[in-house]
Amino acid sequence: MAVRPLDLHPDRLLPADSETRNIARALYESVAGLPIVSPHGHTDPAWFARNENFGNASELLLAPDHYVFRMLYSQGISMEALGIRNRSADPRAAWRLLAQNYHLFRGTPSRMWLDWVFAQAFGMAVQLSEETSDLYFDTITDLLATDDFRPRALFDRYGIELIATTESPLDTLEHHAAIRAENAQASSSQGVGGWQGKVITAYRPDPVVDPEFEGFRDNLQRFSEITGEDCLTWSGYLAAHRQRRAFFAAHGATSTDHGHPSPRTADLSLAEAEALFAKVSAGSFTPQDAELFRAQMLTEMAAMSVEDGLVMQIHPGSFRNHNARVFERFGRDKGADIPMRTEYVANLKPLLDRFGNEPALSIILFTLDESTYARELAPLAGHYPCLKLGPAWWFHDSPEGMRRFRLMTTETAGFYNTVGFNDDTRAFLSIPARHDVARRIDCGFLAQLVVEHRIADWEAAELAQDLTYNLVKKAYKL
């Protein structure tokens, strides 16, 4: 196979029609250089606390990215060979497997993101292929050994203003504490001797909220040890959450995150909640009990958000760890989470009956079920003051998914009941690549409205700034 050039077209993803493209191009140029705010993601805070060099191309770009290795696994390539939880795997050989099979990614968002990283971050001028595999591996790995490619240098190079990571209530937040200490040192000494990058956390209580989470009862015991509360009693359990939420807020958290199978909510009486908690904490519960408990806890978390001001993010509708064998062998987050049908109108009603008109509450809703955009989510967010819509998420974090989101929600919810873009990634260098895609797609959408004389050009310019930067800052209280 011939070695082919790697060329990122300057007008990629912009509309094909020349008049619309010219407007979109001008809009994009006005926002392309704005700072990146990444309010929800899964990068490792230890990267920024320790600022150690990444080891090699596979360690940075292959092993953390389930978008990439799930595609390779779908074609029969073993995760062991790709180095997933296999320290004995040869990283060069794992990279060669990616290179040999890079054609599998044609037309996918992963291809766009990776090509951006290859060209923009590492200066590659030829496409990744079997023939160029060693060139890529050596070039990237050599650059990663330099100071310019340490995590903090990359953070600064790409204009990242803020990254929010996601941690469990059982996490010590030691890396966040170390970063905050350096931030304080930098502030007190006018930037001398300390780093000023902003890395905050988000409260993800699933391990102590979901009775079906592995090790749930042990997690409750650990929750008790950390907080000094009796987390096998309902009152002690709720007190522990309030304590840890305050601890997270002290380490910069402005949001919580809830990855439930469904957005079901409940509003049980105190006696009912205590009885249900006694069942789940003792391990004597049914799947229906587990779902009801998760539902009650979304309402309890909303009540706490009214108290402490943390923004709620609800990420429902994924059948987590669908591939049982992969889960048993490799653990969570290995590309086997599959979208499900998701209903919001009835499921959210108990919570909204109690808090839907509460100005102190802010809930950001996400979905993997696009059929709900126009039918359920946009009408809900277009009415309830506490609701906003998160961007096209996960499997729909693509040019087509972003366009569908705007087409199906804008007519009812408008732009200002949405929250800008978040990348939700574990792959650090995909952050600037993903934000670039979102900016291009939004500018193309706005340009079409201008051409159709639905908004004025100055309104499109304001909206481009809002969708890129202002809305996310406001929604996440940043």
Protein backbone atom coordinates (compact mmCIF):
# COMPACT_ATOMS: atom_id res chain seq x y z
CA MET A 1 0.00 0.00 0.00
CA ALA A 2 1.32 3.44 -0.94
CA VAL A 3 2.24 5.95 1.73
CA ARG A 4 -0.32 8.75 1.45
CA PRO A 5 -0.19 12.34 2.69
CA LEU A 6 -2.06 13.41 5.79
CA ASP A 7 -3.91 16.60 4.95
CA LEU A 8 -6.39 18.37 7.23
CA HIS A 9 -8.53 20.51 4.93
CA PRO A 10 -9.09 23.97 6.44
CA ASP A 11 -12.80 23.82 5.56
CA ARG A 12 -13.42 20.32 6.90
CA LEU A 13 -16.93 19.84 8.28
CA LEU A 14 -18.08 23.25 7.05
CA PRO A 15 -21.11 23.38 4.70
CA ALA A 16 -20.60 22.44 1.05
CA ASP A 17 -22.58 25.40 -0.32
CA SER A 18 -20.12 28.23 -0.95
CA GLU A 19 -22.26 31.08 0.42
CA THR A 20 -23.05 29.18 3.62
CA ARG A 21 -19.46 27.97 3.92
CA ASN A 22 -18.11 31.52 3.73
CA ILE A 23 -20.34 32.58 6.63
CA ALA A 24 -19.46 29.45 8.61
CA ARG A 25 -15.76 30.01 7.98
CA ALA A 26 -15.92 33.55 9.34
CA LEU A 27 -17.85 32.38 12.40
CA TYR A 28 -15.38 29.57 13.01
CA GLU A 29 -12.40 31.92 12.73
CA SER A 30 -13.99 34.10 15.42
CA VAL A 31 -14.16 31.23 17.95
CA ALA A 32 -11.38 28.83 16.92
CA GLY A 33 -8.92 30.41 19.33
CA LEU A 34 -11.20 30.72 22.35
CA PRO A 35 -10.08 28.89 25.50
CA ILE A 36 -11.22 25.30 25.99
CA VAL A 37 -13.49 24.63 28.95
CA SER A 38 -13.85 20.89 29.55
CA PRO A 39 -16.46 20.63 32.35
CA HIS A 40 -17.00 16.89 32.29
CA GLY A 41 -14.45 14.20 31.48
CA HIS A 42 -12.40 11.30 32.71
CA THR A 43 -8.77 12.29 32.31
CA ASP A 44 -6.51 11.24 35.17
CA PRO A 45 -5.76 14.07 37.63
CA ALA A 46 -2.46 12.34 38.45
CA TRP A 47 -1.23 13.35 35.00
CA PHE A 48 -1.42 17.02 35.95
CA ALA A 49 -0.38 16.63 39.58
CA ARG A 50 2.78 14.66 38.79
CA ASN A 51 3.44 16.10 35.31
CA GLU A 52 5.37 12.99 34.30
CA ASN A 53 6.10 12.21 30.66
CA PHE A 54 3.73 9.84 28.91
CA GLY A 55 5.56 6.64 28.09
CA ASN A 56 4.85 5.94 24.43
CA ALA A 57 2.33 6.31 21.62
CA SER A 58 0.24 3.32 22.70
CA GLU A 59 0.08 4.43 26.32
CA LEU A 60 -1.22 7.87 25.37
CA LEU A 61 -3.40 7.30 22.32
CA LEU A 62 -4.52 3.67 22.32
CA ALA A 63 -4.83 2.18 25.81
CA PRO A 64 -7.02 4.91 27.41
CA ASP A 65 -9.39 5.36 24.46
CA HIS A 66 -12.29 2.91 24.39
CA TYR A 67 -13.55 4.56 21.19
CA VAL A 68 -10.43 3.18 19.53
CA PHE A 69 -9.93 -0.25 21.03
CA ARG A 70 -13.64 -1.21 20.92
CA MET A 71 -13.51 -0.94 17.09
CA LEU A 72 -10.41 -3.13 16.95
CA TYR A 73 -11.99 -5.63 19.34
CA SER A 74 -15.11 -5.75 17.15
CA GLN A 75 -12.87 -7.06 14.35
CA GLY A 76 -11.49 -9.88 16.47
CA ILE A 77 -8.32 -8.26 17.80
CA SER A 78 -7.76 -9.22 21.44
CA MET A 79 -7.54 -6.60 24.13
CA GLU A 80 -4.50 -8.36 25.56
CA ALA A 81 -2.66 -7.76 22.29
CA LEU A 82 -3.63 -4.09 22.44
CA GLY A 83 -2.11 -3.79 25.90
CA ILE A 84 -5.39 -3.38 27.77
CA ARG A 85 -4.61 -4.42 31.35
CA ASN A 86 -1.68 -6.41 30.01
CA ARG A 87 1.67 -4.97 31.07
CA SER A 88 3.57 -7.67 29.22
CA ALA A 89 2.22 -6.52 25.85
CA ASP A 90 4.73 -4.90 23.49
CA PRO A 91 3.50 -1.30 22.96
CA ARG A 92 5.10 -1.15 19.51
CA ALA A 93 3.29 -4.32 18.47
CA ALA A 94 0.02 -2.95 19.86
CA TRP A 95 0.53 0.25 17.87
CA ARG A 96 1.22 -1.80 14.75
CA LEU A 97 -2.16 -3.50 15.17
CA LEU A 98 -3.80 -0.07 15.19
CA ALA A 99 -1.81 1.00 12.13
CA GLN A 100 -2.61 -2.16 10.19
CA ASN A 101 -6.29 -1.70 10.88
CA TYR A 102 -6.59 2.06 10.67
CA HIS A 103 -8.87 1.70 7.65
CA LEU A 104 -11.57 0.46 10.04
CA PHE A 105 -11.99 4.03 11.29
CA ARG A 106 -12.81 5.62 7.92
CA GLY A 107 -15.74 8.02 8.34
CA THR A 108 -15.78 7.77 12.15
CA PRO A 109 -15.25 10.56 14.69
CA SER A 110 -12.25 8.65 16.04
CA ARG A 111 -10.54 8.99 12.66
CA MET A 112 -11.08 12.76 12.69
CA TRP A 113 -9.84 13.14 16.24
CA LEU A 114 -6.77 10.95 15.73
CA ASP A 115 -5.81 12.59 12.42
CA TRP A 116 -6.04 15.99 14.13
CA VAL A 117 -3.75 14.77 16.92
CA PHE A 118 -1.29 13.21 14.48
CA ALA A 119 -1.05 16.34 12.33
CA GLN A 120 -1.50 19.17 14.82
CA ALA A 121 0.19 17.77 17.92
CA PHE A 122 2.93 15.60 16.41
CA GLY A 123 3.46 17.13 12.97
CA MET A 124 2.86 13.94 11.01
CA ALA A 125 2.61 14.58 7.25
CA VAL A 126 1.73 11.05 6.09
CA GLN A 127 -1.24 8.89 7.01
CA LEU A 128 -1.01 6.14 9.59
CA SER A 129 -0.69 2.74 7.93
CA GLU A 130 1.24 -0.49 8.27
CA GLU A 131 4.08 1.10 6.28
CA THR A 132 4.28 4.15 8.53
CA SER A 133 3.61 2.40 11.85
CA ASP A 134 7.19 2.52 13.13
CA LEU A 135 7.65 6.11 11.92
CA TYR A 136 4.57 7.11 13.92
CA PHE A 137 5.50 5.13 17.01
CA ASP A 138 9.07 6.42 17.12
CA THR A 139 8.19 10.04 16.32
CA ILE A 140 5.38 10.24 18.87
CA THR A 141 7.26 8.33 21.56
CA ASP A 142 10.39 10.47 21.12
CA LEU A 143 8.37 13.69 21.36
CA LEU A 144 6.56 12.44 24.45
CA ALA A 145 9.92 12.18 26.21
CA THR A 146 10.45 15.96 25.86
CA ASP A 147 9.34 18.68 28.23
CA ASP A 148 7.04 20.21 25.60
CA PHE A 149 4.88 17.10 25.70
CA ARG A 150 4.45 16.78 29.44
CA PRO A 151 0.78 16.98 30.53
CA ARG A 152 0.96 20.56 31.80
CA ALA A 153 2.73 21.82 28.70
CA LEU A 154 0.05 20.26 26.49
CA PHE A 155 -2.66 21.68 28.74
CA ASP A 156 -1.23 25.16 28.25
CA ARG A 157 -0.41 24.74 24.55
CA TYR A 158 -4.02 24.00 23.63
CA GLY A 159 -5.48 26.86 25.58
CA ILE A 160 -7.29 24.71 28.12
CA GLU A 161 -8.77 26.99 30.74
CA LEU A 162 -10.26 24.24 32.88
CA ILE A 163 -10.66 20.47 33.03
CA ALA A 164 -13.10 18.74 35.36
CA THR A 165 -12.30 15.12 36.11
CA THR A 166 -14.74 12.68 37.74
CA GLU A 167 -14.12 10.90 41.03
CA SER A 168 -15.98 8.58 43.39
CA PRO A 169 -16.87 9.65 46.95
CA LEU A 170 -14.30 7.07 48.04
CA ASP A 171 -11.47 8.91 46.30
CA THR A 172 -8.98 10.80 48.48
CA LEU A 173 -8.61 13.62 45.90
CA GLU A 174 -4.92 13.73 46.73
CA HIS A 175 -3.97 14.72 43.19
CA HIS A 176 -6.48 17.56 43.19
CA ALA A 177 -5.11 18.71 46.54
CA ALA A 178 -1.58 18.76 45.11
CA ILE A 179 -2.68 20.80 42.09
CA ARG A 180 -4.58 23.28 44.26
CA ALA A 181 -1.52 23.70 46.45
CA GLU A 182 0.54 24.59 43.39
CA ASN A 183 -2.16 26.96 42.16
CA ALA A 184 -2.06 28.73 45.52
CA GLN A 185 1.72 28.94 45.40
CA ALA A 186 1.61 30.38 41.90
CA SER A 187 -0.95 32.99 42.95
CA SER A 188 1.03 34.05 45.99
CA SER A 189 4.28 34.35 44.04
CA GLN A 190 2.92 35.89 40.82
CA GLY A 191 3.29 32.66 38.89
CA VAL A 192 6.82 31.85 40.00
CA GLY A 193 7.34 28.30 41.19
CA GLY A 194 3.86 26.95 40.64
CA TRP A 195 1.54 25.85 37.86
CA GLN A 196 -1.69 27.77 37.26
CA GLY A 197 -3.70 25.22 35.26
CA LYS A 198 -7.18 24.65 36.67
CA VAL A 199 -8.16 21.00 37.24
CA ILE A 200 -11.26 20.42 39.34
CA THR A 201 -13.23 17.34 40.31
CA ALA A 202 -16.87 16.24 40.03
CA TYR A 203 -18.82 14.09 42.49
CA ARG A 204 -19.75 10.72 40.94
CA PRO A 205 -21.47 8.70 43.69
CA ASP A 206 -22.43 5.60 41.64
CA PRO A 207 -20.27 3.14 43.67
CA VAL A 208 -22.21 4.01 46.84
CA VAL A 209 -25.59 4.73 45.21
CA ASP A 210 -26.09 1.77 42.89
CA PRO A 211 -26.83 -1.44 44.84
CA GLU A 212 -25.81 -3.44 41.75
CA PHE A 213 -22.38 -1.81 41.56
CA GLU A 214 -19.70 -4.40 42.31
CA GLY A 215 -18.64 -4.34 45.96
CA PHE A 216 -21.53 -2.07 46.97
CA ARG A 217 -21.69 -3.21 50.61
CA ASP A 218 -17.91 -2.99 50.97
CA ASN A 219 -18.13 0.47 49.46
CA LEU A 220 -20.63 1.48 52.12
CA GLN A 221 -18.22 0.27 54.78
CA ARG A 222 -15.44 2.32 53.23
CA PHE A 223 -17.83 5.27 53.02
CA SER A 224 -18.37 4.95 56.78
CA GLU A 225 -14.63 4.83 57.47
CA ILE A 226 -13.91 7.92 55.37
CA THR A 227 -16.70 10.05 56.79
CA GLY A 228 -17.07 8.76 60.34
CA GLU A 229 -20.79 8.30 59.70
CA ASP A 230 -22.73 5.06 60.06
CA CYS A 231 -23.48 4.43 56.41
CA LEU A 232 -25.57 1.38 57.20
CA THR A 233 -28.26 3.70 58.56
CA TRP A 234 -30.31 5.96 56.27
CA SER A 235 -29.57 9.13 58.23
CA GLY A 236 -25.86 8.36 58.48
CA TYR A 237 -25.70 7.49 54.80
CA LEU A 238 -27.25 10.80 53.73
CA ALA A 239 -25.01 12.69 56.15
CA ALA A 240 -21.97 11.01 54.59
CA HIS A 241 -23.01 12.22 51.15
CA ARG A 242 -23.40 15.78 52.41
CA GLN A 243 -19.98 15.62 54.01
CA ARG A 244 -18.24 14.28 50.90
CA ARG A 245 -20.01 16.74 48.61
CA ALA A 246 -18.66 19.55 50.77
CA PHE A 247 -15.19 17.97 50.59
CA PHE A 248 -15.40 17.79 46.79
CA ALA A 249 -16.62 21.38 46.58
CA ALA A 250 -13.60 22.43 48.63
CA HIS A 251 -11.46 20.80 45.93
CA GLY A 252 -13.13 22.79 43.18
CA ALA A 253 -16.17 20.68 42.30
CA THR A 254 -19.13 22.58 40.89
CA SER A 255 -21.08 19.54 39.70
CA THR A 256 -22.21 16.01 40.44
CA ASP A 257 -22.56 13.21 37.89
CA HIS A 258 -24.99 10.30 37.93
CA GLY A 259 -24.57 7.40 35.51
CA HIS A 260 -27.82 5.55 36.19
CA PRO A 261 -29.37 2.97 33.85
CA SER A 262 -32.50 5.13 33.62
CA PRO A 263 -33.52 8.66 34.68
CA ARG A 264 -36.23 7.25 36.93
CA THR A 265 -36.82 9.31 40.07
CA ALA A 266 -38.91 8.69 43.19
CA ASP A 267 -40.07 10.65 46.21
CA LEU A 268 -40.61 8.13 48.99
CA SER A 269 -41.70 8.89 52.53
CA LEU A 270 -39.04 8.75 55.24
CA ALA A 271 -40.31 5.37 56.45
CA GLU A 272 -40.35 3.95 52.93
CA ALA A 273 -36.84 5.23 52.20
CA GLU A 274 -35.48 3.80 55.44
CA ALA A 275 -37.05 0.40 54.74
CA LEU A 276 -35.69 0.35 51.18
CA PHE A 277 -32.21 1.33 52.34
CA ALA A 278 -32.25 -1.44 54.93
CA LYS A 279 -32.87 -3.96 52.14
CA VAL A 280 -30.21 -2.71 49.72
CA SER A 281 -27.56 -2.17 52.39
CA ALA A 282 -28.11 -5.71 53.68
CA GLY A 283 -27.80 -7.17 50.17
CA SER A 284 -31.31 -8.64 50.23
CA PHE A 285 -32.82 -6.74 47.33
CA THR A 286 -34.39 -7.42 43.93
CA PRO A 287 -33.52 -5.64 40.68
CA GLN A 288 -36.74 -3.66 41.16
CA ASP A 289 -35.54 -2.58 44.62
CA ALA A 290 -32.21 -1.49 43.16
CA GLU A 291 -33.91 0.60 40.49
CA LEU A 292 -36.23 2.22 43.04
CA PHE A 293 -33.28 3.02 45.30
CA ARG A 294 -31.37 4.67 42.45
CA ALA A 295 -34.54 6.61 41.64
CA GLN A 296 -34.88 7.83 45.21
CA MET A 297 -31.22 8.81 45.31
CA LEU A 298 -31.57 11.08 42.26
CA THR A 299 -34.21 12.99 44.20
CA GLU A 300 -32.04 13.01 47.33
CA MET A 301 -29.12 14.32 45.29
CA ALA A 302 -31.38 17.05 43.88
CA ALA A 303 -32.32 18.04 47.42
CA MET A 304 -28.65 18.28 48.33
CA SER A 305 -27.95 20.34 45.21
CA VAL A 306 -30.60 22.82 46.32
CA GLU A 307 -28.66 23.08 49.58
CA ASP A 308 -25.07 23.27 48.31
CA GLY A 309 -25.47 24.58 44.76
CA LEU A 310 -23.70 21.75 42.93
CA VAL A 311 -25.00 21.28 39.39
CA MET A 312 -26.50 17.82 38.71
CA GLN A 313 -25.57 15.91 35.58
CA ILE A 314 -27.73 12.88 34.76
CA HIS A 315 -26.15 10.49 32.25
CA PRO A 316 -28.71 7.69 31.84
CA GLY A 317 -29.57 5.10 29.24
CA SER A 318 -26.47 2.94 28.95
CA PHE A 319 -26.45 -0.80 29.56
CA ARG A 320 -23.10 -0.80 31.28
CA ASN A 321 -20.62 -3.65 30.77
CA HIS A 322 -22.89 -5.51 28.36
CA ASN A 323 -20.14 -7.98 27.47
CA ALA A 324 -19.94 -10.05 30.65
CA ARG A 325 -16.73 -11.83 29.68
CA VAL A 326 -14.90 -8.60 28.91
CA PHE A 327 -16.14 -7.11 32.19
CA GLU A 328 -14.92 -10.11 34.18
CA ARG A 329 -11.52 -10.06 32.48
CA PHE A 330 -10.83 -6.35 32.02
CA GLY A 331 -13.27 -4.44 34.25
CA ARG A 332 -15.39 -1.38 33.56
CA ASP A 333 -15.21 1.08 30.69
CA LYS A 334 -13.86 -1.25 28.03
CA GLY A 335 -16.13 -0.24 25.17
CA ALA A 336 -18.99 -2.62 25.98
CA ASP A 337 -21.54 -0.04 27.19
CA ILE A 338 -24.55 -0.08 24.86
CA PRO A 339 -27.32 2.57 24.52
CA MET A 340 -30.89 1.70 25.52
CA ARG A 341 -34.33 3.22 25.02
CA THR A 342 -34.79 5.93 27.62
CA GLU A 343 -37.95 7.67 28.85
CA TYR A 344 -37.77 11.03 30.62
CA VAL A 345 -41.25 12.56 30.96
CA ALA A 346 -42.73 10.11 33.47
CA ASN A 347 -39.40 9.10 35.00
CA LEU A 348 -38.43 12.64 35.99
CA LYS A 349 -41.86 13.70 37.22
CA PRO A 350 -41.43 12.79 40.92
CA LEU A 351 -38.25 14.86 41.11
CA LEU A 352 -39.75 17.72 39.08
CA ASP A 353 -42.93 17.74 41.16
CA ARG A 354 -40.74 18.46 44.15
CA PHE A 355 -37.98 20.63 42.69
CA GLY A 356 -38.82 21.51 39.08
CA ASN A 357 -39.61 25.14 39.86
CA GLU A 358 -36.73 25.58 42.30
CA PRO A 359 -34.43 28.40 41.08
CA ALA A 360 -31.54 27.09 43.20
CA LEU A 361 -31.44 23.77 41.31
CA SER A 362 -29.70 23.17 38.00
CA ILE A 363 -29.91 19.77 36.25
CA ILE A 364 -28.18 18.94 32.98
CA LEU A 365 -29.81 16.06 31.12
CA PHE A 366 -28.00 13.81 28.66
CA THR A 367 -29.31 11.03 26.44
CA LEU A 368 -28.15 8.18 24.25
CA ASP A 369 -31.67 7.85 22.83
CA GLU A 370 -31.97 10.47 20.12
CA SER A 371 -35.69 9.74 19.67
CA THR A 372 -36.23 11.70 22.89
CA TYR A 373 -34.67 14.97 21.70
CA ALA A 374 -37.74 16.57 20.11
CA ARG A 375 -40.42 14.52 21.84
CA GLU A 376 -39.28 14.75 25.48
CA LEU A 377 -36.04 16.53 26.30
CA ALA A 378 -36.46 19.79 24.39
CA PRO A 379 -40.02 20.33 25.67
CA LEU A 380 -38.93 19.58 29.24
CA ALA A 381 -35.93 21.91 29.10
CA GLY A 382 -38.03 24.47 27.26
CA HIS A 383 -40.34 24.69 30.27
CA TYR A 384 -38.72 23.74 33.60
CA PRO A 385 -36.33 26.40 34.98
CA CYS A 386 -34.08 23.78 36.57
CA LEU A 387 -33.41 21.79 33.37
CA LYS A 388 -30.77 22.24 30.68
CA LEU A 389 -29.74 19.90 27.88
CA GLY A 390 -26.25 18.45 27.71
CA PRO A 391 -24.66 18.19 24.25
CA ALA A 392 -24.72 15.21 21.89
CA TRP A 393 -23.06 12.55 23.98
CA TRP A 394 -20.87 9.48 23.62
CA PHE A 395 -22.07 7.50 20.59
CA HIS A 396 -23.52 10.71 19.15
CA ASP A 397 -20.41 12.84 19.74
CA SER A 398 -19.99 13.11 15.97
CA PRO A 399 -20.68 15.64 13.21
CA GLU A 400 -23.96 13.96 12.36
CA GLY A 401 -24.91 13.57 16.02
CA MET A 402 -24.17 17.22 16.78
CA ARG A 403 -26.24 18.38 13.80
CA ARG A 404 -29.15 16.15 14.78
CA PHE A 405 -29.01 17.54 18.31
CA ARG A 406 -29.27 21.13 17.09
CA LEU A 407 -31.97 20.31 14.51
CA MET A 408 -34.16 18.45 16.98
CA THR A 409 -33.82 20.63 20.09
CA THR A 410 -33.44 24.23 18.91
CA GLU A 411 -37.03 24.69 17.75
CA THR A 412 -38.40 24.01 21.25
CA ALA A 413 -35.58 24.58 23.74
CA GLY A 414 -33.64 27.21 21.80
CA PHE A 415 -29.90 27.59 22.25
CA TYR A 416 -29.93 29.03 25.75
CA ASN A 417 -31.40 25.94 27.39
CA THR A 418 -28.30 24.04 26.28
CA VAL A 419 -24.87 24.10 27.91
CA GLY A 420 -22.29 24.30 25.15
CA PHE A 421 -19.97 21.36 24.55
CA ASN A 422 -18.17 18.86 26.73
CA ASP A 423 -15.82 16.17 25.48
CA ASP A 424 -16.39 13.42 28.11
CA THR A 425 -13.06 11.80 27.23
CA ARG A 426 -10.32 9.71 28.79
CA ALA A 427 -7.95 10.43 25.90
CA PHE A 428 -6.22 13.71 26.80
CA LEU A 429 -5.19 14.89 23.34
CA SER A 430 -8.64 14.23 21.91
CA ILE A 431 -9.89 17.21 23.95
CA PRO A 432 -8.74 19.96 21.55
CA ALA A 433 -9.65 17.76 18.58
CA ARG A 434 -13.21 17.22 19.81
CA HIS A 435 -13.74 20.87 20.69
CA ASP A 436 -12.57 21.84 17.21
CA VAL A 437 -15.18 19.54 15.66
CA ALA A 438 -17.95 20.97 17.86
CA ARG A 439 -17.01 24.55 16.96
CA ARG A 440 -17.03 23.78 13.25
CA ILE A 441 -20.41 22.03 13.37
CA ASP A 442 -22.08 24.75 15.43
CA CYS A 443 -20.74 27.45 13.10
CA GLY A 444 -22.08 25.54 10.12
CA PHE A 445 -25.49 25.26 11.75
CA LEU A 446 -25.57 28.97 12.57
CA ALA A 447 -24.46 29.88 9.05
CA GLN A 448 -27.44 27.98 7.64
CA LEU A 449 -29.78 30.03 9.83
CA VAL A 450 -28.18 33.23 8.54
CA VAL A 451 -28.52 32.14 4.89
CA GLU A 452 -32.18 31.31 5.50
CA HIS A 453 -32.63 34.80 7.06
CA ARG A 454 -33.77 33.28 10.34
CA ILE A 455 -31.15 35.12 12.40
CA ALA A 456 -28.93 38.09 11.60
CA ASP A 457 -25.21 37.74 11.08
CA TRP A 458 -24.46 39.60 14.33
CA GLU A 459 -26.74 37.22 16.23
CA ALA A 460 -24.87 34.26 14.75
CA ALA A 461 -21.59 35.81 15.88
CA GLU A 462 -22.90 36.21 19.43
CA LEU A 463 -24.29 32.67 19.43
CA ALA A 464 -20.99 31.23 18.21
CA GLN A 465 -19.25 32.80 21.23
CA ASP A 466 -21.97 31.61 23.58
CA LEU A 467 -22.05 28.02 22.30
CA THR A 468 -18.26 27.80 22.39
CA TYR A 469 -17.49 29.45 25.71
CA ASN A 470 -20.11 31.43 27.60
CA LEU A 471 -22.87 28.85 28.07
CA VAL A 472 -20.60 26.20 29.54
CA LYS A 473 -19.15 28.65 32.03
CA LYS A 474 -22.61 29.72 33.15
CA ALA A 475 -24.17 26.24 33.26
CA TYR A 476 -21.37 24.71 35.33
CA LYS A 477 -20.91 27.79 37.54
CA LEU A 478 -17.32 28.26 36.44
